[in-house]
PDB file of N, CA and C in Angstrom:
ATOM      1  N   MET A   1     -13.030  31.017 -18.471  1.00  0.00           N
ATOM      2  CA  MET A   1     -14.130  29.789 -19.473  1.00  0.00           C
ATOM      3  C   MET A   1     -13.974  28.612 -18.718  1.00  0.00           C
ATOM      4  N   ASN A   2     -14.537  28.172 -19.039  1.00  0.00           N
ATOM      5  CA  ASN A   2     -14.912  26.501 -18.828  1.00  0.00           C
ATOM      6  C   ASN A   2     -14.198  25.323 -19.756  1.00  0.00           C
ATOM      7  N   PRO A   3     -13.398  24.495 -19.358  1.00  0.00           N
ATOM      8  CA  PRO A   3     -13.257  23.580 -19.745  1.00  0.00           C
ATOM      9  C   PRO A   3     -14.388  22.915 -21.054  1.00  0.00           C
ATOM     10  N   ALA A   4     -15.237  22.550 -20.629  1.00  0.00           N
ATOM     11  CA  ALA A   4     -16.388  22.926 -21.965  1.00  0.00           C
ATOM     12  C   ALA A   4     -16.688  23.840 -22.980  1.00  0.00           C
ATOM     13  N   GLU A   5     -16.678  25.235 -22.452  1.00  0.00           N
ATOM     14  CA  GLU A   5     -16.324  26.255 -23.623  1.00  0.00           C
ATOM     15  C   GLU A   5     -15.371  26.161 -24.136  1.00  0.00           C
ATOM     16  N   THR A   6     -14.362  25.305 -23.509  1.00  0.00           N
ATOM     17  CA  THR A   6     -12.595  25.654 -24.553  1.00  0.00           C
ATOM     18  C   THR A   6     -12.467  24.891 -25.355  1.00  0.00           C
ATOM     19  N   TYR A   7     -13.340  23.436 -25.404  1.00  0.00           N
ATOM     20  CA  TYR A   7     -13.387  22.399 -25.815  1.00  0.00           C
ATOM     21  C   TYR A   7     -13.866  22.805 -27.457  1.00  0.00           C
ATOM     22  N   ILE A   8     -14.951  23.447 -27.145  1.00  0.00           N
ATOM     23  CA  ILE A   8     -15.957  24.786 -28.291  1.00  0.00           C
ATOM     24  C   ILE A   8     -15.090  25.097 -29.284  1.00  0.00           C
ATOM     25  N   LEU A   9     -14.517  26.050 -28.366  1.00  0.00           N
ATOM     26  CA  LEU A   9     -14.156  26.812 -29.274  1.00  0.00           C
ATOM     27  C   LEU A   9     -12.345  26.614 -29.404  1.00  0.00           C
ATOM     28  N   SER A  10     -12.002  25.408 -29.548  1.00  0.00           N
ATOM     29  CA  SER A  10     -10.787  25.024 -30.159  1.00  0.00           C
ATOM     30  C   SER A  10     -10.853  23.977 -30.700  1.00  0.00           C
ATOM     31  N   GLN A  11     -12.123  23.964 -31.600  1.00  0.00           N
ATOM     32  CA  GLN A  11     -12.524  23.371 -32.778  1.00  0.00           C
ATOM     33  C   GLN A  11     -12.193  24.053 -33.927  1.00  0.00           C
ATOM     34  N   PRO A  12     -11.413  23.338 -34.993  1.00  0.00           N
ATOM     35  CA  PRO A  12     -11.552  24.107 -36.077  1.00  0.00           C
ATOM     36  C   PRO A  12     -13.327  24.239 -36.806  1.00  0.00           C
ATOM     37  N   GLU A  13     -13.035  25.439 -37.843  1.00  0.00           N
ATOM     38  CA  GLU A  13     -14.264  25.783 -38.555  1.00  0.00           C
ATOM     39  C   GLU A  13     -14.257  24.296 -39.441  1.00  0.00           C
ATOM     40  N   PRO A  14     -15.539  24.295 -40.247  1.00  0.00           N
ATOM     41  CA  PRO A  14     -16.579  24.533 -39.264  1.00  0.00           C
ATOM     42  C   PRO A  14     -17.074  24.422 -38.212  1.00  0.00           C
ATOM     43  N   PHE A  15     -16.716  23.133 -37.593  1.00  0.00           N
ATOM     44  CA  PHE A  15     -17.216  22.307 -36.048  1.00  0.00           C
ATOM     45  C   PHE A  15     -17.488  23.316 -34.981  1.00  0.00           C
ATOM     46  N   ARG A  16     -16.426  24.372 -35.205  1.00  0.00           N
ATOM     47  CA  ARG A  16     -16.517  25.312 -33.985  1.00  0.00           C
ATOM     48  C   ARG A  16     -17.942  26.081 -34.134  1.00  0.00           C
ATOM     49  N   SER A  17     -18.355  26.697 -35.359  1.00  0.00           N
ATOM     50  CA  SER A  17     -19.468  27.257 -35.377  1.00  0.00           C
ATOM     51  C   SER A  17     -21.161  26.162 -35.068  1.00  0.00           C
ATOM     52  N   ILE A  18     -20.741  25.070 -35.999  1.00  0.00           N
ATOM     53  CA  ILE A  18     -22.103  24.089 -35.468  1.00  0.00           C
ATOM     54  C   ILE A  18     -21.820  23.532 -34.403  1.00  0.00           C
ATOM     55  N   LEU A  19     -20.524  23.750 -33.290  1.00  0.00           N
ATOM     56  CA  LEU A  19     -20.656  23.276 -32.248  1.00  0.00           C
ATOM     57  C   LEU A  19     -21.110  24.567 -31.235  1.00  0.00           C
ATOM     58  N   LEU A  20     -20.987  25.548 -31.392  1.00  0.00           N
ATOM     59  CA  LEU A  20     -22.148  27.083 -30.881  1.00  0.00           C
ATOM     60  C   LEU A  20     -23.320  27.234 -31.238  1.00  0.00           C
ATOM     61  N   HIS A  21     -23.563  26.878 -32.903  1.00  0.00           N
ATOM     62  CA  HIS A  21     -25.271  26.831 -32.553  1.00  0.00           C
ATOM     63  C   HIS A  21     -25.612  25.797 -31.710  1.00  0.00           C
ATOM     64  N   ILE A  22     -25.481  25.261 -31.558  1.00  0.00           N
ATOM     65  CA  ILE A  22     -26.008  23.671 -31.459  1.00  0.00           C
ATOM     66  C   ILE A  22     -26.063  23.953 -29.558  1.00  0.00           C
ATOM     67  N   GLN A  23     -24.980  24.941 -28.920  1.00  0.00           N
ATOM     68  CA  GLN A  23     -24.778  25.139 -27.977  1.00  0.00           C
ATOM     69  C   GLN A  23     -25.970  25.985 -27.130  1.00  0.00           C
ATOM     70  N   PHE A  24     -26.009  27.319 -28.041  1.00  0.00           N
ATOM     71  CA  PHE A  24     -27.163  27.793 -27.743  1.00  0.00           C
ATOM     72  C   PHE A  24     -28.178  27.898 -28.168  1.00  0.00           C
ATOM     73  N   LYS A  25     -28.345  26.499 -28.943  1.00  0.00           N
ATOM     74  CA  LYS A  25     -29.771  26.385 -28.925  1.00  0.00           C
ATOM     75  C   LYS A  25     -29.926  25.171 -27.949  1.00  0.00           C
ATOM     76  N   ILE A  26     -29.451  24.750 -27.476  1.00  0.00           N
ATOM     77  CA  ILE A  26     -29.519  23.778 -25.796  1.00  0.00           C
ATOM     78  C   ILE A  26     -29.956  24.908 -24.937  1.00  0.00           C
ATOM     79  N   GLN A  27     -29.510  25.939 -24.899  1.00  0.00           N
ATOM     80  CA  GLN A  27     -29.486  26.567 -23.471  1.00  0.00           C
ATOM     81  C   GLN A  27     -30.822  27.498 -24.216  1.00  0.00           C
ATOM     82  N   ALA A  28     -30.872  27.957 -24.835  1.00  0.00           N
ATOM     83  CA  ALA A  28     -32.410  28.680 -25.253  1.00  0.00           C
ATOM     84  C   ALA A  28     -33.813  27.496 -25.016  1.00  0.00           C
ATOM     85  N   VAL A  29     -33.572  25.942 -25.775  1.00  0.00           N
ATOM     86  CA  VAL A  29     -34.360  25.229 -25.399  1.00  0.00           C
ATOM     87  C   VAL A  29     -34.876  24.794 -23.747  1.00  0.00           C
ATOM     88  N   VAL A  30     -33.707  24.643 -23.075  1.00  0.00           N
ATOM     89  CA  VAL A  30     -33.669  24.013 -21.759  1.00  0.00           C
ATOM     90  C   VAL A  30     -32.690  24.964 -21.101  1.00  0.00           C
ATOM     91  N   PRO A  31     -32.952  26.121 -20.833  1.00  0.00           N
ATOM     92  CA  PRO A  31     -32.026  26.823 -20.112  1.00  0.00           C
ATOM     93  C   PRO A  31     -31.852  26.708 -18.567  1.00  0.00           C
ATOM     94  N   LYS A  32     -32.393  25.540 -17.905  1.00  0.00           N
ATOM     95  CA  LYS A  32     -31.580  24.743 -16.787  1.00  0.00           C
ATOM     96  C   LYS A  32     -30.378  24.247 -17.044  1.00  0.00           C
ATOM     97  N   ALA A  33     -30.409  23.469 -18.396  1.00  0.00           N
ATOM     98  CA  ALA A  33     -29.047  22.833 -18.463  1.00  0.00           C
ATOM     99  C   ALA A  33     -27.775  23.600 -18.279  1.00  0.00           C
ATOM    100  N   GLU A  34     -26.931  22.423 -17.578  1.00  0.00           N
ATOM    101  CA  GLU A  34     -25.461  22.945 -17.448  1.00  0.00           C
ATOM    102  C   GLU A  34     -24.335  22.506 -18.115  1.00  0.00           C
ATOM    103  N   MET A  35     -23.900  22.809 -19.001  1.00  0.00           N
ATOM    104  CA  MET A  35     -23.002  22.713 -19.666  1.00  0.00           C
ATOM    105  C   MET A  35     -21.446  22.181 -18.923  1.00  0.00           C
ATOM    106  N   ARG A  36     -21.328  20.651 -19.252  1.00  0.00           N
ATOM    107  CA  ARG A  36     -19.840  20.530 -18.136  1.00  0.00           C
ATOM    108  C   ARG A  36     -18.774  19.473 -19.291  1.00  0.00           C
ATOM    109  N   PHE A  37     -17.721  19.759 -18.095  1.00  0.00           N
ATOM    110  CA  PHE A  37     -17.016  19.046 -19.667  1.00  0.00           C
ATOM    111  C   PHE A  37     -16.037  17.023 -18.674  1.00  0.00           C
ATOM    112  N   LYS A  38     -16.878  16.551 -19.495  1.00  0.00           N
ATOM    113  CA  LYS A  38     -16.684  15.005 -19.078  1.00  0.00           C
ATOM    114  C   LYS A  38     -15.620  14.056 -19.693  1.00  0.00           C
ATOM    115  N   TYR A  39     -15.169  13.267 -19.867  1.00  0.00           N
ATOM    116  CA  TYR A  39     -14.379  12.422 -20.783  1.00  0.00           C
ATOM    117  C   TYR A  39     -14.184  13.209 -22.235  1.00  0.00           C
ATOM    118  N   LYS A  40     -13.497  14.620 -21.725  1.00  0.00           N
ATOM    119  CA  LYS A  40     -12.656  15.495 -22.813  1.00  0.00           C
ATOM    120  C   LYS A  40     -13.618  15.988 -23.278  1.00  0.00           C
ATOM    121  N   ILE A  41     -14.925  16.018 -23.650  1.00  0.00           N
ATOM    122  CA  ILE A  41     -15.985  16.459 -24.719  1.00  0.00           C
ATOM    123  C   ILE A  41     -17.376  17.306 -23.337  1.00  0.00           C
ATOM    124  N   SER A  42     -18.038  17.663 -23.924  1.00  0.00           N
ATOM    125  CA  SER A  42     -19.318  18.652 -23.590  1.00  0.00           C
ATOM    126  C   SER A  42     -20.673  18.008 -23.597  1.00  0.00           C
ATOM    127  N   PHE A  43     -20.657  17.999 -22.337  1.00  0.00           N
ATOM    128  CA  PHE A  43     -22.120  17.503 -21.796  1.00  0.00           C
ATOM    129  C   PHE A  43     -22.520  18.421 -20.749  1.00  0.00           C
ATOM    130  N   PHE A  44     -24.405  18.025 -21.401  1.00  0.00           N
ATOM    131  CA  PHE A  44     -25.304  18.924 -21.299  1.00  0.00           C
ATOM    132  C   PHE A  44     -25.979  18.292 -19.684  1.00  0.00           C
ATOM    133  N   TYR A  45     -26.183  18.693 -19.044  1.00  0.00           N
ATOM    134  CA  TYR A  45     -26.985  17.947 -17.774  1.00  0.00           C
ATOM    135  C   TYR A  45     -28.059  18.903 -17.168  1.00  0.00           C
ATOM    136  N   VAL A  46     -28.839  18.638 -16.582  1.00  0.00           N
ATOM    137  CA  VAL A  46     -30.227  18.962 -15.951  1.00  0.00           C
ATOM    138  C   VAL A  46     -30.689  18.125 -14.888  1.00  0.00           C
ATOM    139  N   ASP A  47     -30.584  19.212 -13.574  1.00  0.00           N
ATOM    140  CA  ASP A  47     -30.471  18.568 -12.137  1.00  0.00           C
ATOM    141  C   ASP A  47     -29.837  17.169 -12.152  1.00  0.00           C
ATOM    142  N   ASP A  48     -28.266  17.280 -12.392  1.00  0.00           N
ATOM    143  CA  ASP A  48     -27.647  16.380 -12.442  1.00  0.00           C
ATOM    144  C   ASP A  48     -27.657  15.204 -13.430  1.00  0.00           C
ATOM    145  N   ARG A  49     -28.789  15.483 -14.074  1.00  0.00           N
ATOM    146  CA  ARG A  49     -29.028  14.186 -14.555  1.00  0.00           C
ATOM    147  C   ARG A  49     -28.455  14.238 -16.647  1.00  0.00           C
ATOM    148  N   PRO A  50     -27.925  13.355 -16.723  1.00  0.00           N
ATOM    149  CA  PRO A  50     -27.183  13.868 -18.733  1.00  0.00           C
ATOM    150  C   PRO A  50     -28.562  13.801 -19.146  1.00  0.00           C
ATOM    151  N   LEU A  51     -28.340  15.041 -20.231  1.00  0.00           N
ATOM    152  CA  LEU A  51     -29.291  15.441 -21.306  1.00  0.00           C
ATOM    153  C   LEU A  51     -28.548  14.738 -22.583  1.00  0.00           C
ATOM    154  N   CYS A  52     -27.469  15.291 -23.077  1.00  0.00           N
ATOM    155  CA  CYS A  52     -27.205  14.871 -23.971  1.00  0.00           C
ATOM    156  C   CYS A  52     -25.583  15.370 -24.151  1.00  0.00           C
ATOM    157  N   TYR A  53     -24.708  14.924 -25.412  1.00  0.00           N
ATOM    158  CA  TYR A  53     -23.445  15.496 -25.149  1.00  0.00           C
ATOM    159  C   TYR A  53     -23.253  15.983 -26.744  1.00  0.00           C
ATOM    160  N   LEU A  54     -22.004  16.684 -26.585  1.00  0.00           N
ATOM    161  CA  LEU A  54     -21.331  17.245 -28.104  1.00  0.00           C
ATOM    162  C   LEU A  54     -20.298  16.670 -28.297  1.00  0.00           C
ATOM    163  N   ASN A  55     -19.926  16.058 -29.896  1.00  0.00           N
ATOM    164  CA  ASN A  55     -18.753  15.315 -29.941  1.00  0.00           C
ATOM    165  C   ASN A  55     -18.241  15.717 -30.918  1.00  0.00           C
ATOM    166  N   GLN A  56     -17.051  16.425 -31.406  1.00  0.00           N
ATOM    167  CA  GLN A  56     -16.559  16.730 -32.989  1.00  0.00           C
ATOM    168  C   GLN A  56     -15.912  15.358 -33.095  1.00  0.00           C
ATOM    169  N   SER A  57     -16.337  14.554 -34.224  1.00  0.00           N
ATOM    170  CA  SER A  57     -15.180  13.656 -34.302  1.00  0.00           C
ATOM    171  C   SER A  57     -15.273  13.510 -36.050  1.00  0.00           C
ATOM    172  N   LYS A  58     -14.390  13.226 -36.308  1.00  0.00           N
ATOM    173  CA  LYS A  58     -14.584  12.702 -37.844  1.00  0.00           C
ATOM    174  C   LYS A  58     -14.348  13.753 -38.682  1.00  0.00           C
ATOM    175  N   ASP A  59     -15.272  14.020 -39.356  1.00  0.00           N
ATOM    176  CA  ASP A  59     -15.907  15.231 -39.949  1.00  0.00           C
ATOM    177  C   ASP A  59     -17.538  15.618 -40.369  1.00  0.00           C
ATOM    178  N   TYR A  60     -17.814  15.073 -38.786  1.00  0.00           N
ATOM    179  CA  TYR A  60     -19.228  15.853 -38.176  1.00  0.00           C
ATOM    180  C   TYR A  60     -19.130  16.099 -36.542  1.00  0.00           C
ATOM    181  N   VAL A  61     -20.328  16.742 -36.123  1.00  0.00           N
ATOM    182  CA  VAL A  61     -20.483  16.598 -34.808  1.00  0.00           C
ATOM    183  C   VAL A  61     -21.741  15.898 -34.682  1.00  0.00           C
ATOM    184  N   ASP A  62     -21.667  15.434 -33.379  1.00  0.00           N
ATOM    185  CA  ASP A  62     -22.779  14.618 -33.049  1.00  0.00           C
ATOM    186  C   ASP A  62     -23.369  14.947 -31.669  1.00  0.00           C
ATOM    187  N   VAL A  63     -24.814  15.392 -31.410  1.00  0.00           N
ATOM    188  CA  VAL A  63     -25.256  15.794 -30.824  1.00  0.00           C
ATOM    189  C   VAL A  63     -26.040  14.505 -30.420  1.00  0.00           C
ATOM    190  N   ALA A  64     -25.489  13.489 -28.957  1.00  0.00           N
ATOM    191  CA  ALA A  64     -26.067  12.885 -28.805  1.00  0.00           C
ATOM    192  C   ALA A  64     -26.531  12.375 -27.736  1.00  0.00           C
ATOM    193  N   PHE A  65     -28.216  11.573 -27.476  1.00  0.00           N
ATOM    194  CA  PHE A  65     -28.970  11.399 -26.312  1.00  0.00           C
ATOM    195  C   PHE A  65     -29.081  10.144 -25.947  1.00  0.00           C
ATOM    196  N   TRP A  66     -29.159   9.880 -24.243  1.00  0.00           N
ATOM    197  CA  TRP A  66     -28.629   8.530 -24.105  1.00  0.00           C
ATOM    198  C   TRP A  66     -30.210   8.190 -23.783  1.00  0.00           C
ATOM    199  N   HIS A  67     -31.079   8.721 -23.481  1.00  0.00           N
ATOM    200  CA  HIS A  67     -32.225   8.378 -23.490  1.00  0.00           C
ATOM    201  C   HIS A  67     -33.352   7.983 -24.924  1.00  0.00           C
ATOM    202  N   SER A  68     -32.335   7.870 -26.434  1.00  0.00           N
ATOM    203  CA  SER A  68     -33.015   7.506 -27.322  1.00  0.00           C
ATOM    204  C   SER A  68     -33.904   6.245 -27.179  1.00  0.00           C
ATOM    205  N   ALA A  69     -33.571   5.399 -26.280  1.00  0.00           N
ATOM    206  CA  ALA A  69     -34.567   3.922 -26.384  1.00  0.00           C
ATOM    207  C   ALA A  69     -35.913   4.623 -26.033  1.00  0.00           C
ATOM    208  N   HIS A  70     -35.999   5.410 -25.030  1.00  0.00           N
ATOM    209  CA  HIS A  70     -37.623   6.097 -25.180  1.00  0.00           C
ATOM    210  C   HIS A  70     -38.313   7.462 -26.042  1.00  0.00           C
ATOM    211  N   MET A  71     -37.431   7.286 -27.076  1.00  0.00           N
ATOM    212  CA  MET A  71     -37.815   8.558 -27.876  1.00  0.00           C
ATOM    213  C   MET A  71     -37.920   8.333 -29.084  1.00  0.00           C
ATOM    214  N   SER A  72     -39.375   8.555 -29.709  1.00  0.00           N
ATOM    215  CA  SER A  72     -39.848   8.440 -31.053  1.00  0.00           C
ATOM    216  C   SER A  72     -40.055   9.408 -32.001  1.00  0.00           C
ATOM    217  N   LYS A  73     -39.430  10.752 -31.650  1.00  0.00           N
ATOM    218  CA  LYS A  73     -39.313  11.996 -32.763  1.00  0.00           C
ATOM    219  C   LYS A  73     -37.720  11.552 -33.286  1.00  0.00           C
ATOM    220  N   HIS A  74     -37.814  11.921 -34.946  1.00  0.00           N
ATOM    221  CA  HIS A  74     -36.835  11.973 -35.689  1.00  0.00           C
ATOM    222  C   HIS A  74     -36.124  10.690 -35.397  1.00  0.00           C
ATOM    223  N   LEU A  75     -36.470   9.951 -35.119  1.00  0.00           N
ATOM    224  CA  LEU A  75     -35.401   8.257 -35.344  1.00  0.00           C
ATOM    225  C   LEU A  75     -35.145   8.264 -36.455  1.00  0.00           C
ATOM    226  N   ASP A  76     -35.547   8.497 -37.686  1.00  0.00           N
ATOM    227  CA  ASP A  76     -35.466   8.490 -39.162  1.00  0.00           C
ATOM    228  C   ASP A  76     -34.063   9.599 -39.415  1.00  0.00           C
ATOM    229  N   LYS A  77     -33.737  10.389 -38.417  1.00  0.00           N
ATOM    230  CA  LYS A  77     -32.759  10.967 -38.793  1.00  0.00           C
ATOM    231  C   LYS A  77     -31.458  11.146 -37.317  1.00  0.00           C
ATOM    232  N   MET A  78     -31.829  10.189 -36.727  1.00  0.00           N
ATOM    233  CA  MET A  78     -30.514   9.859 -36.006  1.00  0.00           C
ATOM    234  C   MET A  78     -29.907   8.907 -36.214  1.00  0.00           C
ATOM    235  N   GLU A  79     -28.366   8.479 -35.832  1.00  0.00           N
ATOM    236  CA  GLU A  79     -27.843   7.964 -35.617  1.00  0.00           C
ATOM    237  C   GLU A  79     -27.401   6.257 -34.780  1.00  0.00           C
ATOM    238  N   ALA A  80     -27.291   5.486 -34.721  1.00  0.00           N
ATOM    239  CA  ALA A  80     -26.980   4.705 -33.962  1.00  0.00           C
ATOM    240  C   ALA A  80     -25.490   4.220 -33.841  1.00  0.00           C
ATOM    241  N   ALA A  81     -25.149   4.197 -34.994  1.00  0.00           N
ATOM    242  CA  ALA A  81     -24.088   3.596 -35.417  1.00  0.00           C
ATOM    243  C   ALA A  81     -23.051   2.835 -34.474  1.00  0.00           C
ATOM    244  N   GLY A  82     -23.601   1.977 -34.265  1.00  0.00           N
ATOM    245  CA  GLY A  82     -23.146   0.408 -33.597  1.00  0.00           C
ATOM    246  C   GLY A  82     -23.633   0.612 -31.867  1.00  0.00           C
ATOM    247  N   ARG A  83     -23.865   1.240 -31.945  1.00  0.00           N
ATOM    248  CA  ARG A  83     -24.247   2.077 -30.540  1.00  0.00           C
ATOM    249  C   ARG A  83     -25.232   1.726 -29.720  1.00  0.00           C
ATOM    250  N   LYS A  84     -25.117   0.577 -28.426  1.00  0.00           N
ATOM    251  CA  LYS A  84     -26.412   0.004 -28.074  1.00  0.00           C
ATOM    252  C   LYS A  84     -27.378   0.876 -27.780  1.00  0.00           C
ATOM    253  N   VAL A  85     -27.193   2.328 -26.573  1.00  0.00           N
ATOM    254  CA  VAL A  85     -28.316   3.167 -26.190  1.00  0.00           C
ATOM    255  C   VAL A  85     -27.929   4.475 -26.631  1.00  0.00           C
ATOM    256  N   VAL A  86     -27.581   4.492 -27.057  1.00  0.00           N
ATOM    257  CA  VAL A  86     -27.108   6.185 -27.557  1.00  0.00           C
ATOM    258  C   VAL A  86     -27.566   6.189 -28.988  1.00  0.00           C
ATOM    259  N   ARG A  87     -28.218   7.077 -29.107  1.00  0.00           N
ATOM    260  CA  ARG A  87     -28.169   7.772 -30.778  1.00  0.00           C
ATOM    261  C   ARG A  87     -28.316   9.233 -30.734  1.00  0.00           C
ATOM    262  N   SER A  88     -27.787   9.608 -32.307  1.00  0.00           N
ATOM    263  CA  SER A  88     -27.344  11.047 -32.014  1.00  0.00           C
ATOM    264  C   SER A  88     -27.680  11.853 -33.437  1.00  0.00           C
ATOM    265  N   LEU A  89     -28.325  13.214 -33.692  1.00  0.00           N
ATOM    266  CA  LEU A  89     -28.271  13.833 -34.666  1.00  0.00           C
ATOM    267  C   LEU A  89     -26.838  14.109 -34.971  1.00  0.00           C
ATOM    268  N   ARG A  90     -26.621  13.799 -36.320  1.00  0.00           N
ATOM    269  CA  ARG A  90     -25.349  14.042 -36.951  1.00  0.00           C
ATOM    270  C   ARG A  90     -25.115  15.463 -38.009  1.00  0.00           C
ATOM    271  N   TYR A  91     -24.171  16.479 -37.795  1.00  0.00           N
ATOM    272  CA  TYR A  91     -23.733  17.311 -38.811  1.00  0.00           C
ATOM    273  C   TYR A  91     -22.982  17.592 -38.944  1.00  0.00           C
ATOM    274  N   ARG A  92     -22.426  17.976 -40.535  1.00  0.00           N
ATOM    275  CA  ARG A  92     -21.626  18.080 -41.150  1.00  0.00           C
ATOM    276  C   ARG A  92     -21.346  19.573 -41.423  1.00  0.00           C
ATOM    277  N   ASP A  93     -22.170  20.183 -41.330  1.00  0.00           N
ATOM    278  CA  ASP A  93     -22.081  21.949 -41.690  1.00  0.00           C
ATOM    279  C   ASP A  93     -23.063  22.659 -41.060  1.00  0.00           C
ATOM    280  N   LEU A  94     -23.102  23.940 -40.741  1.00  0.00           N
ATOM    281  CA  LEU A  94     -23.914  24.416 -40.421  1.00  0.00           C
ATOM    282  C   LEU A  94     -25.395  24.564 -40.697  1.00  0.00           C
ATOM    283  N   GLU A  95     -25.240  24.489 -42.423  1.00  0.00           N
ATOM    284  CA  GLU A  95     -26.526  24.702 -43.078  1.00  0.00           C
ATOM    285  C   GLU A  95     -27.588  23.276 -42.507  1.00  0.00           C
ATOM    286  N   ALA A  96     -26.912  22.272 -42.250  1.00  0.00           N
ATOM    287  CA  ALA A  96     -27.332  20.741 -42.348  1.00  0.00           C
ATOM    288  C   ALA A  96     -28.952  21.211 -40.832  1.00  0.00           C
ATOM    289  N   ILE A  97     -28.353  22.019 -39.554  1.00  0.00           N
ATOM    290  CA  ILE A  97     -29.209  22.082 -38.458  1.00  0.00           C
ATOM    291  C   ILE A  97     -30.141  22.163 -39.094  1.00  0.00           C
ATOM    292  N   ASP A  98     -31.170  21.129 -38.488  1.00  0.00           N
ATOM    293  CA  ASP A  98     -32.546  22.051 -38.672  1.00  0.00           C
ATOM    294  C   ASP A  98     -33.384  22.110 -37.443  1.00  0.00           C
ATOM    295  N   ASP A  99     -33.352  23.747 -37.112  1.00  0.00           N
ATOM    296  CA  ASP A  99     -34.087  23.969 -35.339  1.00  0.00           C
ATOM    297  C   ASP A  99     -34.592  23.644 -35.002  1.00  0.00           C
ATOM    298  N   THR A 100     -36.149  22.935 -35.838  1.00  0.00           N
ATOM    299  CA  THR A 100     -37.240  22.913 -35.178  1.00  0.00           C
ATOM    300  C   THR A 100     -36.558  21.267 -35.312  1.00  0.00           C
ATOM    301  N   VAL A 101     -36.265  20.274 -36.058  1.00  0.00           N
ATOM    302  CA  VAL A 101     -35.556  18.917 -35.235  1.00  0.00           C
ATOM    303  C   VAL A 101     -34.898  19.108 -34.551  1.00  0.00           C
ATOM    304  N   LEU A 102     -33.973  19.584 -33.869  1.00  0.00           N
ATOM    305  CA  LEU A 102     -33.028  19.966 -32.748  1.00  0.00           C
ATOM    306  C   LEU A 102     -34.241  19.900 -31.654  1.00  0.00           C
ATOM    307  N   THR A 103     -34.389  21.176 -31.911  1.00  0.00           N
ATOM    308  CA  THR A 103     -35.666  21.558 -30.956  1.00  0.00           C
ATOM    309  C   THR A 103     -36.927  20.290 -30.288  1.00  0.00           C
ATOM    310  N   GLU A 104     -37.148  19.740 -31.455  1.00  0.00           N
ATOM    311  CA  GLU A 104     -38.278  18.729 -30.657  1.00  0.00           C
ATOM    312  C   GLU A 104     -37.467  17.358 -30.107  1.00  0.00           C
ATOM    313  N   VAL A 105     -36.039  17.298 -30.036  1.00  0.00           N
ATOM    314  CA  VAL A 105     -35.447  16.151 -29.662  1.00  0.00           C
ATOM    315  C   VAL A 105     -35.546  16.605 -28.284  1.00  0.00           C
ATOM    316  N   LEU A 106     -34.566  17.714 -28.401  1.00  0.00           N
ATOM    317  CA  LEU A 106     -34.093  18.206 -26.974  1.00  0.00           C
ATOM    318  C   LEU A 106     -35.473  18.360 -26.018  1.00  0.00           C
ATOM    319  N   GLU A 107     -36.816  18.670 -26.703  1.00  0.00           N
ATOM    320  CA  GLU A 107     -37.783  18.528 -25.537  1.00  0.00           C
ATOM    321  C   GLU A 107     -38.165  17.203 -25.827  1.00  0.00           C
ATOM    322  N   GLU A 108     -37.972  16.329 -26.062  1.00  0.00           N
ATOM    323  CA  GLU A 108     -38.567  15.096 -26.221  1.00  0.00           C
ATOM    324  C   GLU A 108     -37.288  14.098 -25.093  1.00  0.00           C
ATOM    325  N   ALA A 109     -36.107  14.923 -25.339  1.00  0.00           N
ATOM    326  CA  ALA A 109     -34.970  14.308 -24.708  1.00  0.00           C
ATOM    327  C   ALA A 109     -35.583  14.266 -22.659  1.00  0.00           C
ATOM    328  N   LEU A 110     -35.711  15.568 -23.046  1.00  0.00           N
ATOM    329  CA  LEU A 110     -35.943  15.850 -21.386  1.00  0.00           C
ATOM    330  C   LEU A 110     -37.357  15.479 -20.669  1.00  0.00           C
ATOM    331  N   VAL A 111     -38.073  15.287 -21.442  1.00  0.00           N
ATOM    332  CA  VAL A 111     -39.596  14.419 -21.177  1.00  0.00           C
ATOM    333  C   VAL A 111     -38.872  13.273 -20.652  1.00  0.00           C
ATOM    334  N   TYR A 112     -38.093  12.046 -21.037  1.00  0.00           N
ATOM    335  CA  TYR A 112     -37.551  11.018 -20.411  1.00  0.00           C
ATOM    336  C   TYR A 112     -36.307  11.173 -19.551  1.00  0.00           C
ATOM    337  N   ILE A 113     -35.818  12.489 -19.115  1.00  0.00           N
ATOM    338  CA  ILE A 113     -34.512  12.477 -17.953  1.00  0.00           C
ATOM    339  C   ILE A 113     -34.434  11.714 -17.341  1.00  0.00           C
ATOM    340  N   ASP A 114     -35.648  11.513 -16.754  1.00  0.00           N
ATOM    341  CA  ASP A 114     -35.546  10.199 -15.335  1.00  0.00           C
ATOM    342  C   ASP A 114     -36.170   9.150 -15.751  1.00  0.00           C
ATOM    343  N   LYS A 115     -35.787   8.842 -16.747  1.00  0.00           N
ATOM    344  CA  LYS A 115     -36.080   7.317 -17.113  1.00  0.00           C
ATOM    345  C   LYS A 115     -34.627   6.723 -17.222  1.00  0.00           C
ATOM    346  N   SER A 116     -34.975   5.065 -17.067  1.00  0.00           N
ATOM    347  CA  SER A 116     -33.405   4.571 -17.352  1.00  0.00           C
ATOM    348  C   SER A 116     -33.115   4.529 -18.622  1.00  0.00           C
ATOM    349  N   PHE A 117     -31.589   4.520 -18.731  1.00  0.00           N
ATOM    350  CA  PHE A 117     -30.953   4.905 -20.361  1.00  0.00           C
ATOM    351  C   PHE A 117     -31.757   3.861 -21.419  1.00  0.00           C
ATOM    352  N   TYR A 118     -32.073   2.839 -20.500  1.00  0.00           N
ATOM    353  CA  TYR A 118     -32.831   1.400 -21.148  1.00  0.00           C
ATOM    354  C   TYR A 118     -34.089   1.223 -21.299  1.00  0.00           C
ATOM    355  N   LYS A 119     -34.648   1.198 -22.324  1.00  0.00           N
ATOM    356  CA  LYS A 119     -36.383   0.923 -21.831  1.00  0.00           C
ATOM    357  C   LYS A 119     -37.050  -0.602 -21.651  1.00  0.00           C
ATOM    358  N   LYS A 120     -37.592  -0.425 -20.396  1.00  0.00           N
ATOM    359  CA  LYS A 120     -37.806  -1.830 -19.676  1.00  0.00           C
ATOM    360  C   LYS A 120     -38.988  -2.237 -20.035  1.00  0.00           C
TER     361      LYS A 120
END
């Protein structure tokens, strides 16, 4: 088991279930995505370019996207939380995950993966 998987499996419930669901969804939507462990959290890369990261903090799980400056789908469901570049989908329980929204955001993030994090 790699450290990124260990990170997910070491989280308390309900966060472990949320993280596992999101991990499987990312791997289903983006089969080329490679999960890595960086900065003590799980990141997903495609061809050595960052796609998103998963972070459990406080009472939620963040699925954070760097290329959100270019994205237009479901921004109303994404949190900026004082961050300049990154936006995230935030989940507090498994039932809150809308697979359609998550899939569409992942697909859009993949379109912009070769762009700069900032919109120029």
